[in-house]
PDB file of N, CA and C in Angstrom:
ATOM      1  N   UNK A   1     128.023  83.495  31.681  1.00  0.00           N
ATOM      2  CA  UNK A   1     129.150  82.697  32.115  1.00  0.00           C
ATOM      3  C   UNK A   1     128.647  81.278  32.354  1.00  0.00           C
ATOM      4  N   UNK A   2     129.383  80.323  31.850  1.00  0.00           N
ATOM      5  CA  UNK A   2     128.962  78.932  31.971  1.00  0.00           C
ATOM      6  C   UNK A   2     130.095  78.131  32.592  1.00  0.00           C
ATOM      7  N   UNK A   3     129.773  77.388  33.636  1.00  0.00           N
ATOM      8  CA  UNK A   3     130.746  76.542  34.321  1.00  0.00           C
ATOM      9  C   UNK A   3     130.296  75.092  34.163  1.00  0.00           C
ATOM     10  N   UNK A   4     131.170  74.263  33.670  1.00  0.00           N
ATOM     11  CA  UNK A   4     130.849  72.855  33.484  1.00  0.00           C
ATOM     12  C   UNK A   4     131.200  72.065  34.747  1.00  0.00           C
ATOM     13  N   UNK A   5     130.306  71.178  35.126  1.00  0.00           N
ATOM     14  CA  UNK A   5     130.555  70.301  36.274  1.00  0.00           C
ATOM     15  C   UNK A   5     130.966  68.950  35.712  1.00  0.00           C
ATOM     16  N   UNK A   6     132.175  68.548  36.046  1.00  0.00           N
ATOM     17  CA  UNK A   6     132.694  67.281  35.538  1.00  0.00           C
ATOM     18  C   UNK A   6     132.640  66.216  36.617  1.00  0.00           C
ATOM     19  N   UNK A   7     132.208  65.064  36.265  1.00  0.00           N
ATOM     20  CA  UNK A   7     132.151  63.901  37.171  1.00  0.00           C
ATOM     21  C   UNK A   7     131.400  64.213  38.460  1.00  0.00           C
ATOM     22  N   UNK A   8     130.343  65.001  38.367  1.00  0.00           N
ATOM     23  CA  UNK A   8     129.538  65.394  39.530  1.00  0.00           C
ATOM     24  C   UNK A   8     130.367  66.032  40.638  1.00  0.00           C
ATOM     25  N   UNK A   9     131.453  66.689  40.278  1.00  0.00           N
ATOM     26  CA  UNK A   9     132.330  67.340  41.255  1.00  0.00           C
ATOM     27  C   UNK A   9     131.919  68.816  41.375  1.00  0.00           C
ATOM     28  N   UNK A  10     130.906  69.052  42.207  1.00  0.00           N
ATOM     29  CA  UNK A  10     130.350  70.401  42.357  1.00  0.00           C
ATOM     30  C   UNK A  10     131.325  71.311  43.104  1.00  0.00           C
ATOM     31  N   UNK A  11     132.073  70.763  44.069  1.00  0.00           N
ATOM     32  CA  UNK A  11     133.020  71.581  44.839  1.00  0.00           C
ATOM     33  C   UNK A  11     134.078  72.206  43.923  1.00  0.00           C
ATOM     34  N   UNK A  12     134.588  71.425  43.007  1.00  0.00           N
ATOM     35  CA  UNK A  12     135.596  71.934  42.080  1.00  0.00           C
ATOM     36  C   UNK A  12     134.986  73.008  41.172  1.00  0.00           C
ATOM     37  N   UNK A  13     133.756  72.788  40.729  1.00  0.00           N
ATOM     38  CA  UNK A  13     133.088  73.764  39.866  1.00  0.00           C
ATOM     39  C   UNK A  13     132.836  75.069  40.629  1.00  0.00           C
ATOM     40  N   UNK A  14     132.460  74.971  41.910  1.00  0.00           N
ATOM     41  CA  UNK A  14     132.245  76.173  42.721  1.00  0.00           C
ATOM     42  C   UNK A  14     133.538  76.961  42.898  1.00  0.00           C
ATOM     43  N   UNK A  15     134.640  76.251  43.155  1.00  0.00           N
ATOM     44  CA  UNK A  15     135.931  76.927  43.296  1.00  0.00           C
ATOM     45  C   UNK A  15     136.286  77.665  42.012  1.00  0.00           C
ATOM     46  N   UNK A  16     136.056  77.010  40.877  1.00  0.00           N
ATOM     47  CA  UNK A  16     136.356  77.618  39.582  1.00  0.00           C
ATOM     48  C   UNK A  16     135.481  78.852  39.354  1.00  0.00           C
ATOM     49  N   UNK A  17     134.190  78.748  39.715  1.00  0.00           N
ATOM     50  CA  UNK A  17     133.276  79.877  39.558  1.00  0.00           C
ATOM     51  C   UNK A  17     133.716  81.062  40.413  1.00  0.00           C
ATOM     52  N   UNK A  18     134.046  80.802  41.671  1.00  0.00           N
ATOM     53  CA  UNK A  18     134.486  81.885  42.558  1.00  0.00           C
ATOM     54  C   UNK A  18     135.752  82.551  42.027  1.00  0.00           C
ATOM     55  N   UNK A  19     136.668  81.738  41.504  1.00  0.00           N
ATOM     56  CA  UNK A  19     137.910  82.273  40.954  1.00  0.00           C
ATOM     57  C   UNK A  19     137.621  83.180  39.763  1.00  0.00           C
ATOM     58  N   UNK A  20     136.726  82.738  38.877  1.00  0.00           N
ATOM     59  CA  UNK A  20     136.367  83.539  37.705  1.00  0.00           C
ATOM     60  C   UNK A  20     135.692  84.853  38.119  1.00  0.00           C
ATOM     61  N   UNK A  21     134.756  84.773  39.081  1.00  0.00           N
ATOM     62  CA  UNK A  21     134.053  85.967  39.536  1.00  0.00           C
ATOM     63  C   UNK A  21     135.026  86.964  40.153  1.00  0.00           C
ATOM     64  N   UNK A  22     135.988  86.456  40.898  1.00  0.00           N
ATOM     65  CA  UNK A  22     136.952  87.352  41.535  1.00  0.00           C
ATOM     66  C   UNK A  22     137.866  87.990  40.491  1.00  0.00           C
ATOM     67  N   UNK A  23     138.284  87.237  39.494  1.00  0.00           N
ATOM     68  CA  UNK A  23     139.146  87.781  38.448  1.00  0.00           C
ATOM     69  C   UNK A  23     138.449  88.898  37.674  1.00  0.00           C
ATOM     70  N   UNK A  24     137.154  88.756  37.461  1.00  0.00           N
ATOM     71  CA  UNK A  24     136.430  89.760  36.699  1.00  0.00           C
ATOM     72  C   UNK A  24     135.938  90.918  37.560  1.00  0.00           C
ATOM     73  N   UNK A  25     136.122  90.832  38.874  1.00  0.00           N
ATOM     74  CA  UNK A  25     135.756  91.926  39.758  1.00  0.00           C
ATOM     75  C   UNK A  25     134.284  91.966  40.112  1.00  0.00           C
ATOM     76  N   UNK A  26     133.552  90.910  39.823  1.00  0.00           N
ATOM     77  CA  UNK A  26     132.114  90.895  40.092  1.00  0.00           C
ATOM     78  C   UNK A  26     131.839  90.823  41.589  1.00  0.00           C
ATOM     79  N   UNK A  27     132.615  90.004  42.306  1.00  0.00           N
ATOM     80  CA  UNK A  27     132.418  89.893  43.758  1.00  0.00           C
ATOM     81  C   UNK A  27     132.653  91.231  44.455  1.00  0.00           C
ATOM     82  N   UNK A  28     133.698  91.927  44.013  1.00  0.00           N
ATOM     83  CA  UNK A  28     134.018  93.227  44.618  1.00  0.00           C
ATOM     84  C   UNK A  28     132.887  94.229  44.368  1.00  0.00           C
ATOM     85  N   UNK A  29     132.397  94.224  43.158  1.00  0.00           N
ATOM     86  CA  UNK A  29     131.310  95.143  42.812  1.00  0.00           C
ATOM     87  C   UNK A  29     130.037  94.819  43.596  1.00  0.00           C
ATOM     88  N   UNK A  30     129.775  93.537  43.783  1.00  0.00           N
ATOM     89  CA  UNK A  30     128.595  93.141  44.566  1.00  0.00           C
ATOM     90  C   UNK A  30     128.708  93.651  46.003  1.00  0.00           C
ATOM     91  N   UNK A  31     129.903  93.504  46.581  1.00  0.00           N
ATOM     92  CA  UNK A  31     130.089  93.981  47.957  1.00  0.00           C
ATOM     93  C   UNK A  31     129.917  95.496  48.049  1.00  0.00           C
ATOM     94  N   UNK A  32     130.394  96.207  47.030  1.00  0.00           N
ATOM     95  CA  UNK A  32     130.261  97.663  47.032  1.00  0.00           C
ATOM     96  C   UNK A  32     128.799  98.088  46.896  1.00  0.00           C
ATOM     97  N   UNK A  33     128.008  97.314  46.192  1.00  0.00           N
ATOM     98  CA  UNK A  33     126.613  97.678  45.962  1.00  0.00           C
ATOM     99  C   UNK A  33     125.659  97.168  47.038  1.00  0.00           C
ATOM    100  N   UNK A  34     126.172  96.443  48.031  1.00  0.00           N
ATOM    101  CA  UNK A  34     125.292  95.945  49.093  1.00  0.00           C
ATOM    102  C   UNK A  34     124.638  97.086  49.865  1.00  0.00           C
ATOM    103  N   UNK A  35     125.381  98.161  50.060  1.00  0.00           N
ATOM    104  CA  UNK A  35     124.881  99.301  50.824  1.00  0.00           C
ATOM    105  C   UNK A  35     125.065 100.568  49.998  1.00  0.00           C
ATOM    106  N   UNK A  36     124.241 101.544  50.284  1.00  0.00           N
ATOM    107  CA  UNK A  36     124.348 102.817  49.582  1.00  0.00           C
ATOM    108  C   UNK A  36     125.639 103.505  49.982  1.00  0.00           C
ATOM    109  N   UNK A  37     126.310 104.067  48.997  1.00  0.00           N
ATOM    110  CA  UNK A  37     127.545 104.802  49.248  1.00  0.00           C
ATOM    111  C   UNK A  37     127.331 106.243  48.800  1.00  0.00           C
ATOM    112  N   UNK A  38     127.519 107.164  49.728  1.00  0.00           N
ATOM    113  CA  UNK A  38     127.334 108.569  49.396  1.00  0.00           C
ATOM    114  C   UNK A  38     128.313 108.972  48.293  1.00  0.00           C
ATOM    115  N   UNK A  39     127.895 109.900  47.429  1.00  0.00           N
ATOM    116  CA  UNK A  39     128.776 110.316  46.335  1.00  0.00           C
ATOM    117  C   UNK A  39     130.131 110.843  46.812  1.00  0.00           C
ATOM    118  N   UNK A  40     130.141 111.563  47.938  1.00  0.00           N
ATOM    119  CA  UNK A  40     131.419 112.089  48.434  1.00  0.00           C
ATOM    120  C   UNK A  40     132.329 110.952  48.896  1.00  0.00           C
ATOM    121  N   UNK A  41     131.761 109.925  49.513  1.00  0.00           N
ATOM    122  CA  UNK A  41     132.545 108.773  49.964  1.00  0.00           C
ATOM    123  C   UNK A  41     133.053 107.989  48.753  1.00  0.00           C
ATOM    124  N   UNK A  42     132.212 107.884  47.738  1.00  0.00           N
ATOM    125  CA  UNK A  42     132.596 107.168  46.521  1.00  0.00           C
ATOM    126  C   UNK A  42     133.760 107.866  45.827  1.00  0.00           C
ATOM    127  N   UNK A  43     133.695 109.200  45.730  1.00  0.00           N
ATOM    128  CA  UNK A  43     134.781 109.959  45.109  1.00  0.00           C
ATOM    129  C   UNK A  43     136.077 109.769  45.878  1.00  0.00           C
ATOM    130  N   UNK A  44     135.993 109.842  47.215  1.00  0.00           N
ATOM    131  CA  UNK A  44     137.193 109.685  48.040  1.00  0.00           C
ATOM    132  C   UNK A  44     137.783 108.285  47.867  1.00  0.00           C
ATOM    133  N   UNK A  45     136.932 107.263  47.824  1.00  0.00           N
ATOM    134  CA  UNK A  45     137.402 105.888  47.662  1.00  0.00           C
ATOM    135  C   UNK A  45     138.064 105.710  46.309  1.00  0.00           C
ATOM    136  N   UNK A  46     137.423 106.208  45.256  1.00  0.00           N
ATOM    137  CA  UNK A  46     137.987 106.065  43.920  1.00  0.00           C
ATOM    138  C   UNK A  46     139.304 106.817  43.776  1.00  0.00           C
ATOM    139  N   UNK A  47     139.397 107.989  44.412  1.00  0.00           N
ATOM    140  CA  UNK A  47     140.636 108.755  44.357  1.00  0.00           C
ATOM    141  C   UNK A  47     141.757 108.002  45.067  1.00  0.00           C
ATOM    142  N   UNK A  48     141.446 107.437  46.247  1.00  0.00           N
ATOM    143  CA  UNK A  48     142.443 106.674  46.995  1.00  0.00           C
ATOM    144  C   UNK A  48     142.886 105.440  46.206  1.00  0.00           C
ATOM    145  N   UNK A  49     141.933 104.777  45.537  1.00  0.00           N
ATOM    146  CA  UNK A  49     142.282 103.607  44.729  1.00  0.00           C
ATOM    147  C   UNK A  49     143.207 104.000  43.581  1.00  0.00           C
ATOM    148  N   UNK A  50     142.935 105.135  42.966  1.00  0.00           N
ATOM    149  CA  UNK A  50     143.784 105.605  41.872  1.00  0.00           C
ATOM    150  C   UNK A  50     145.191 105.915  42.349  1.00  0.00           C
ATOM    151  N   UNK A  51     145.293 106.567  43.494  1.00  0.00           N
ATOM    152  CA  UNK A  51     146.610 106.885  44.061  1.00  0.00           C
ATOM    153  C   UNK A  51     147.359 105.601  44.372  1.00  0.00           C
ATOM    154  N   UNK A  52     146.659 104.647  44.980  1.00  0.00           N
ATOM    155  CA  UNK A  52     147.277 103.362  45.328  1.00  0.00           C
ATOM    156  C   UNK A  52     147.765 102.637  44.069  1.00  0.00           C
ATOM    157  N   UNK A  53     146.930 102.654  43.028  1.00  0.00           N
ATOM    158  CA  UNK A  53     147.280 101.991  41.775  1.00  0.00           C
ATOM    159  C   UNK A  53     148.508 102.659  41.134  1.00  0.00           C
ATOM    160  N   UNK A  54     148.538 104.009  41.151  1.00  0.00           N
ATOM    161  CA  UNK A  54     149.656 104.744  40.567  1.00  0.00           C
ATOM    162  C   UNK A  54     150.948 104.460  41.320  1.00  0.00           C
ATOM    163  N   UNK A  55     150.882 104.461  42.652  1.00  0.00           N
ATOM    164  CA  UNK A  55     152.077 104.172  43.456  1.00  0.00           C
ATOM    165  C   UNK A  55     152.590 102.764  43.200  1.00  0.00           C
ATOM    166  N   UNK A  56     151.666 101.820  43.092  1.00  0.00           N
ATOM    167  CA  UNK A  56     152.051 100.437  42.860  1.00  0.00           C
ATOM    168  C   UNK A  56     152.760 100.299  41.512  1.00  0.00           C
ATOM    169  N   UNK A  57     152.221 100.944  40.469  1.00  0.00           N
ATOM    170  CA  UNK A  57     152.853 100.891  39.150  1.00  0.00           C
ATOM    171  C   UNK A  57     154.227 101.559  39.169  1.00  0.00           C
ATOM    172  N   UNK A  58     154.334 102.698  39.872  1.00  0.00           N
ATOM    173  CA  UNK A  58     155.624 103.387  39.963  1.00  0.00           C
ATOM    174  C   UNK A  58     156.653 102.517  40.688  1.00  0.00           C
ATOM    175  N   UNK A  59     156.219 101.832  41.735  1.00  0.00           N
ATOM    176  CA  UNK A  59     157.119 100.951  42.483  1.00  0.00           C
ATOM    177  C   UNK A  59     157.582  99.791  41.608  1.00  0.00           C
ATOM    178  N   UNK A  60     156.652  99.221  40.831  1.00  0.00           N
ATOM    179  CA  UNK A  60     157.013  98.125  39.930  1.00  0.00           C
ATOM    180  C   UNK A  60     158.020  98.593  38.882  1.00  0.00           C
ATOM    181  N   UNK A  61     157.790  99.802  38.338  1.00  0.00           N
ATOM    182  CA  UNK A  61     158.687 100.341  37.327  1.00  0.00           C
ATOM    183  C   UNK A  61     160.078 100.563  37.909  1.00  0.00           C
ATOM    184  N   UNK A  62     160.144 101.105  39.113  1.00  0.00           N
ATOM    185  CA  UNK A  62     161.426 101.344  39.775  1.00  0.00           C
ATOM    186  C   UNK A  62     162.152 100.033  40.025  1.00  0.00           C
ATOM    187  N   UNK A  63     161.414  99.022  40.494  1.00  0.00           N
ATOM    188  CA  UNK A  63     162.030  97.722  40.748  1.00  0.00           C
ATOM    189  C   UNK A  63     162.566  97.108  39.458  1.00  0.00           C
ATOM    190  N   UNK A  64     161.819  97.273  38.358  1.00  0.00           N
ATOM    191  CA  UNK A  64     162.280  96.751  37.069  1.00  0.00           C
ATOM    192  C   UNK A  64     163.558  97.441  36.626  1.00  0.00           C
ATOM    193  N   UNK A  65     163.615  98.766  36.815  1.00  0.00           N
ATOM    194  CA  UNK A  65     164.792  99.524  36.384  1.00  0.00           C
ATOM    195  C   UNK A  65     166.018  99.181  37.220  1.00  0.00           C
ATOM    196  N   UNK A  66     165.808  98.949  38.507  1.00  0.00           N
ATOM    197  CA  UNK A  66     166.935  98.629  39.380  1.00  0.00           C
ATOM    198  C   UNK A  66     167.297  97.148  39.348  1.00  0.00           C
ATOM    199  N   UNK A  67     166.454  96.358  38.713  1.00  0.00           N
ATOM    200  CA  UNK A  67     166.730  94.934  38.622  1.00  0.00           C
ATOM    201  C   UNK A  67     166.407  94.168  39.889  1.00  0.00           C
ATOM    202  N   UNK A  68     165.526  94.721  40.701  1.00  0.00           N
ATOM    203  CA  UNK A  68     165.140  94.055  41.935  1.00  0.00           C
ATOM    204  C   UNK A  68     164.054  93.049  41.619  1.00  0.00           C
ATOM    205  N   UNK A  69     164.264  91.828  42.038  1.00  0.00           N
ATOM    206  CA  UNK A  69     163.260  90.791  41.833  1.00  0.00           C
ATOM    207  C   UNK A  69     162.349  90.763  43.052  1.00  0.00           C
ATOM    208  N   UNK A  70     161.071  90.970  42.817  1.00  0.00           N
ATOM    209  CA  UNK A  70     160.092  90.935  43.889  1.00  0.00           C
ATOM    210  C   UNK A  70     159.174  89.754  43.620  1.00  0.00           C
ATOM    211  N   UNK A  71     159.077  88.887  44.578  1.00  0.00           N
ATOM    212  CA  UNK A  71     158.223  87.723  44.412  1.00  0.00           C
ATOM    213  C   UNK A  71     157.895  87.152  45.765  1.00  0.00           C
ATOM    214  N   UNK A  72     157.475  85.924  45.742  1.00  0.00           N
ATOM    215  CA  UNK A  72     157.139  85.271  46.994  1.00  0.00           C
ATOM    216  C   UNK A  72     158.412  84.968  47.767  1.00  0.00           C
ATOM    217  N   UNK A  73     158.315  85.072  49.076  1.00  0.00           N
ATOM    218  CA  UNK A  73     159.451  84.731  49.915  1.00  0.00           C
ATOM    219  C   UNK A  73     159.618  83.216  49.910  1.00  0.00           C
ATOM    220  N   UNK A  74     160.861  82.755  49.905  1.00  0.00           N
ATOM    221  CA  UNK A  74     161.059  81.305  49.911  1.00  0.00           C
ATOM    222  C   UNK A  74     160.589  80.709  51.236  1.00  0.00           C
ATOM    223  N   UNK A  75     160.037  79.540  51.132  1.00  0.00           N
ATOM    224  CA  UNK A  75     159.571  78.863  52.336  1.00  0.00           C
ATOM    225  C   UNK A  75     160.754  78.375  53.147  1.00  0.00           C
ATOM    226  N   UNK A  76     160.666  78.477  54.473  1.00  0.00           N
ATOM    227  CA  UNK A  76     161.763  77.938  55.288  1.00  0.00           C
ATOM    228  C   UNK A  76     161.758  76.411  55.199  1.00  0.00           C
ATOM    229  N   UNK A  77     162.952  75.863  55.174  1.00  0.00           N
ATOM    230  CA  UNK A  77     163.102  74.422  55.083  1.00  0.00           C
ATOM    231  C   UNK A  77     163.029  73.852  56.490  1.00  0.00           C
ATOM    232  N   UNK A  78     162.157  72.872  56.671  1.00  0.00           N
ATOM    233  CA  UNK A  78     162.012  72.253  57.991  1.00  0.00           C
ATOM    234  C   UNK A  78     163.121  71.239  58.182  1.00  0.00           C
ATOM    235  N   UNK A  79     163.912  71.462  59.216  1.00  0.00           N
ATOM    236  CA  UNK A  79     164.970  70.519  59.559  1.00  0.00           C
ATOM    237  C   UNK A  79     164.769  70.112  61.008  1.00  0.00           C
ATOM    238  N   UNK A  80     164.539  68.840  61.242  1.00  0.00           N
ATOM    239  CA  UNK A  80     164.336  68.413  62.625  1.00  0.00           C
ATOM    240  C   UNK A  80     165.604  68.587  63.443  1.00  0.00           C
ATOM    241  N   UNK A  81     165.417  68.902  64.707  1.00  0.00           N
ATOM    242  CA  UNK A  81     166.554  69.097  65.605  1.00  0.00           C
ATOM    243  C   UNK A  81     167.287  67.774  65.764  1.00  0.00           C
ATOM    244  N   UNK A  82     168.624  67.816  65.872  1.00  0.00           N
ATOM    245  CA  UNK A  82     169.348  66.565  66.063  1.00  0.00           C
ATOM    246  C   UNK A  82     168.975  65.921  67.377  1.00  0.00           C
ATOM    247  N   UNK A  83     168.813  64.619  67.338  1.00  0.00           N
ATOM    248  CA  UNK A  83     168.405  63.924  68.557  1.00  0.00           C
ATOM    249  C   UNK A  83     169.576  63.850  69.517  1.00  0.00           C
ATOM    250  N   UNK A  84     169.277  64.009  70.784  1.00  0.00           N
ATOM    251  CA  UNK A  84     170.312  64.018  71.826  1.00  0.00           C
ATOM    252  C   UNK A  84     170.349  62.680  72.569  1.00  0.00           C
ATOM    253  N   UNK A  85     170.115  61.601  71.862  1.00  0.00           N
ATOM    254  CA  UNK A  85     170.159  60.294  72.521  1.00  0.00           C
ATOM    255  C   UNK A  85     171.559  59.729  72.488  1.00  0.00           C
ATOM    256  N   UNK A  86     171.964  59.220  73.594  1.00  0.00           N
ATOM    257  CA  UNK A  86     173.315  58.634  73.707  1.00  0.00           C
ATOM    258  C   UNK A  86     173.176  57.113  73.666  1.00  0.00           C
ATOM    259  N   UNK A  87     173.927  56.492  72.779  1.00  0.00           N
ATOM    260  CA  UNK A  87     173.864  55.040  72.652  1.00  0.00           C
ATOM    261  C   UNK A  87     174.877  54.349  73.494  1.00  0.00           C
TER     262      UNK A  87
END
């Protein structure tokens, strides 16, 4: 993997690198490999992940069929309180 640093902007390149690593799942795998995981714990974790993934896909499919739009909640609009000054 090669990340280009433009205009000596290392912070931007680091952000891009972290984003790429997270998208490819490398960071997650590194965290999992930091400590030994017993085979029984690994099986239980993988099974739970599979169940979670299956439920999530089923929920998405149901929402698509019912026409429910799921997305980010709209941000509340900031409206300042009316001033109570009497002229």
